[in-house]
C-alpha atoms as a PDB file:
ATOM      1  CA  MET A   1      42.340  -7.828 -51.932  1.00  0.00           C
ATOM      2  CA  SER A   2      39.251 -10.013 -52.141  1.00  0.00           C
ATOM      3  CA  THR A   3      35.774  -8.671 -51.500  1.00  0.00           C
ATOM      4  CA  PRO A   4      34.056  -9.895 -48.342  1.00  0.00           C
ATOM      5  CA  VAL A   5      31.103 -12.237 -48.821  1.00  0.00           C
ATOM      6  CA  PHE A   6      28.956 -10.347 -46.309  1.00  0.00           C
ATOM      7  CA  ASP A   7      27.630  -6.819 -46.581  1.00  0.00           C
ATOM      8  CA  THR A   8      30.106  -4.495 -44.876  1.00  0.00           C
ATOM      9  CA  LYS A   9      27.282  -2.132 -43.827  1.00  0.00           C
ATOM     10  CA  ALA A  10      25.779  -4.947 -41.791  1.00  0.00           C
ATOM     11  CA  ARG A  11      29.008  -5.731 -39.927  1.00  0.00           C
ATOM     12  CA  ASP A  12      28.540  -3.156 -37.155  1.00  0.00           C
ATOM     13  CA  LEU A  13      24.949  -4.202 -36.643  1.00  0.00           C
ATOM     14  CA  ALA A  14      25.964  -7.891 -36.601  1.00  0.00           C
ATOM     15  CA  GLU A  15      28.590  -7.093 -33.987  1.00  0.00           C
ATOM     16  CA  LYS A  16      25.989  -5.436 -31.747  1.00  0.00           C
ATOM     17  CA  ILE A  17      23.588  -8.345 -32.204  1.00  0.00           C
ATOM     18  CA  TYR A  18      26.405 -10.830 -31.473  1.00  0.00           C
ATOM     19  CA  THR A  19      27.327  -9.006 -28.266  1.00  0.00           C
ATOM     20  CA  ASP A  20      23.743  -8.987 -27.079  1.00  0.00           C
ATOM     21  CA  LEU A  21      23.104 -12.648 -27.948  1.00  0.00           C
ATOM     22  CA  LEU A  22      26.396 -13.760 -26.407  1.00  0.00           C
ATOM     23  CA  ARG A  23      25.619 -11.838 -23.228  1.00  0.00           C
ATOM     24  CA  ASN A  24      22.407 -13.849 -22.934  1.00  0.00           C
ATOM     25  CA  ALA A  25      24.197 -17.147 -23.686  1.00  0.00           C
ATOM     26  CA  VAL A  26      26.724 -16.854 -20.848  1.00  0.00           C
ATOM     27  CA  VAL A  27      26.007 -18.299 -17.417  1.00  0.00           C
ATOM     28  CA  VAL A  28      28.309 -17.077 -14.670  1.00  0.00           C
ATOM     29  CA  SER A  29      28.385 -19.049 -11.428  1.00  0.00           C
ATOM     30  CA  SER A  30      30.680 -19.308  -8.445  1.00  0.00           C
ATOM     31  CA  THR A  31      32.434 -22.257 -10.074  1.00  0.00           C
ATOM     32  CA  GLY A  32      33.064 -20.654 -13.463  1.00  0.00           C
ATOM     33  CA  VAL A  33      31.623 -19.420 -16.730  1.00  0.00           C
ATOM     34  CA  GLN A  34      29.597 -21.589 -19.086  1.00  0.00           C
ATOM     35  CA  LEU A  35      28.337 -20.874 -22.611  1.00  0.00           C
ATOM     36  CA  THR A  36      24.914 -22.272 -23.431  1.00  0.00           C
ATOM     37  CA  ALA A  37      25.478 -21.920 -27.208  1.00  0.00           C
ATOM     38  CA  ASP A  38      28.377 -22.170 -29.631  1.00  0.00           C
ATOM     39  CA  PRO A  39      29.889 -18.685 -30.223  1.00  0.00           C
ATOM     40  CA  LYS A  40      30.426 -19.460 -33.933  1.00  0.00           C
ATOM     41  CA  ASN A  41      26.735 -20.266 -34.374  1.00  0.00           C
ATOM     42  CA  ILE A  42      25.822 -17.055 -32.579  1.00  0.00           C
ATOM     43  CA  ALA A  43      28.117 -15.120 -34.948  1.00  0.00           C
ATOM     44  CA  LYS A  44      26.502 -16.715 -38.010  1.00  0.00           C
ATOM     45  CA  ILE A  45      23.017 -15.935 -36.721  1.00  0.00           C
ATOM     46  CA  SER A  46      24.085 -12.359 -35.967  1.00  0.00           C
ATOM     47  CA  PHE A  47      25.182 -11.778 -39.569  1.00  0.00           C
ATOM     48  CA  LYS A  48      21.982 -13.337 -40.920  1.00  0.00           C
ATOM     49  CA  LEU A  49      19.834 -11.169 -38.647  1.00  0.00           C
ATOM     50  CA  ALA A  50      21.790  -8.048 -39.593  1.00  0.00           C
ATOM     51  CA  ALA A  51      21.422  -8.824 -43.312  1.00  0.00           C
ATOM     52  CA  SER A  52      17.678  -9.341 -42.885  1.00  0.00           C
ATOM     53  CA  PHE A  53      17.388  -6.083 -40.970  1.00  0.00           C
ATOM     54  CA  ARG A  54      19.241  -4.193 -43.746  1.00  0.00           C
ATOM     55  CA  GLU A  55      17.025  -5.751 -46.452  1.00  0.00           C
ATOM     56  CA  VAL A  56      13.858  -4.605 -44.684  1.00  0.00           C
ATOM     57  CA  GLU A  57      15.385  -1.182 -44.045  1.00  0.00           C
ATOM     58  CA  ASP A  58      16.206  -0.825 -47.771  1.00  0.00           C
ATOM     59  CA  GLU A  59      12.656  -1.878 -48.718  1.00  0.00           C
ATOM     60  CA  LEU A  60      11.154   0.701 -46.369  1.00  0.00           C
ATOM     61  CA  ASN A  61      13.515   3.430 -47.548  1.00  0.00           C
ATOM     62  CA  ALA A  62      12.766   2.670 -51.203  1.00  0.00           C
ATOM     63  CA  GLU A  63       9.316   4.167 -50.706  1.00  0.00           C
ATOM     64  CA  ASN A  64      10.944   7.507 -49.834  1.00  0.00           C
ATOM     65  CA  LEU A  65      13.328   7.675 -52.801  1.00  0.00           C
ATOM     66  CA  PRO A  66      12.604  10.003 -55.730  1.00  0.00           C
ATOM     67  CA  LYS A  67      10.418   8.282 -58.326  1.00  0.00           C
ATOM     68  CA  ASN A  68      11.254  10.176 -61.537  1.00  0.00           C
ATOM     69  CA  GLN A  69      15.010  10.659 -61.431  1.00  0.00           C
ATOM     70  CA  ASP A  70      15.235  10.657 -65.240  1.00  0.00           C
ATOM     71  CA  PHE A  71      13.162  13.841 -65.536  1.00  0.00           C
ATOM     72  CA  LYS A  72      15.070  16.708 -67.167  1.00  0.00           C
ATOM     73  CA  VAL A  73      13.931  20.312 -67.012  1.00  0.00           C
ATOM     74  CA  GLU A  74      14.248  22.000 -70.391  1.00  0.00           C
ATOM     75  CA  LEU A  75      14.159  25.706 -71.142  1.00  0.00           C
ATOM     76  CA  SER A  76      10.793  25.235 -72.850  1.00  0.00           C
ATOM     77  CA  ASP A  77       9.402  23.747 -69.604  1.00  0.00           C
ATOM     78  CA  ILE A  78      10.444  26.815 -67.653  1.00  0.00           C
ATOM     79  CA  ALA A  79       8.998  29.121 -70.333  1.00  0.00           C
ATOM     80  CA  ALA A  80       5.650  27.318 -70.016  1.00  0.00           C
ATOM     81  CA  TRP A  81       5.476  28.215 -66.310  1.00  0.00           C
ATOM     82  CA  ASN A  82       5.079  31.922 -67.182  1.00  0.00           C
ATOM     83  CA  LYS A  83       1.859  31.405 -69.157  1.00  0.00           C
END
């Protein structure tokens, strides 16, 4: 099975964006339904917007991640606390 080119975490967000954009691109009249934009272009834009959103979210969350993950507590460190 081949890996998808897009980020799978962004798929759900892209789907929500697509639905919202498509809703705004549809004109319903008494004579029928008309799309003001190509649905494929809307889908592409939705994935790009979702990817951008995830990038910014990761940047913002990076500030909250632990900074010194390589730190190891040794027995001598604990013994020093009692002094």
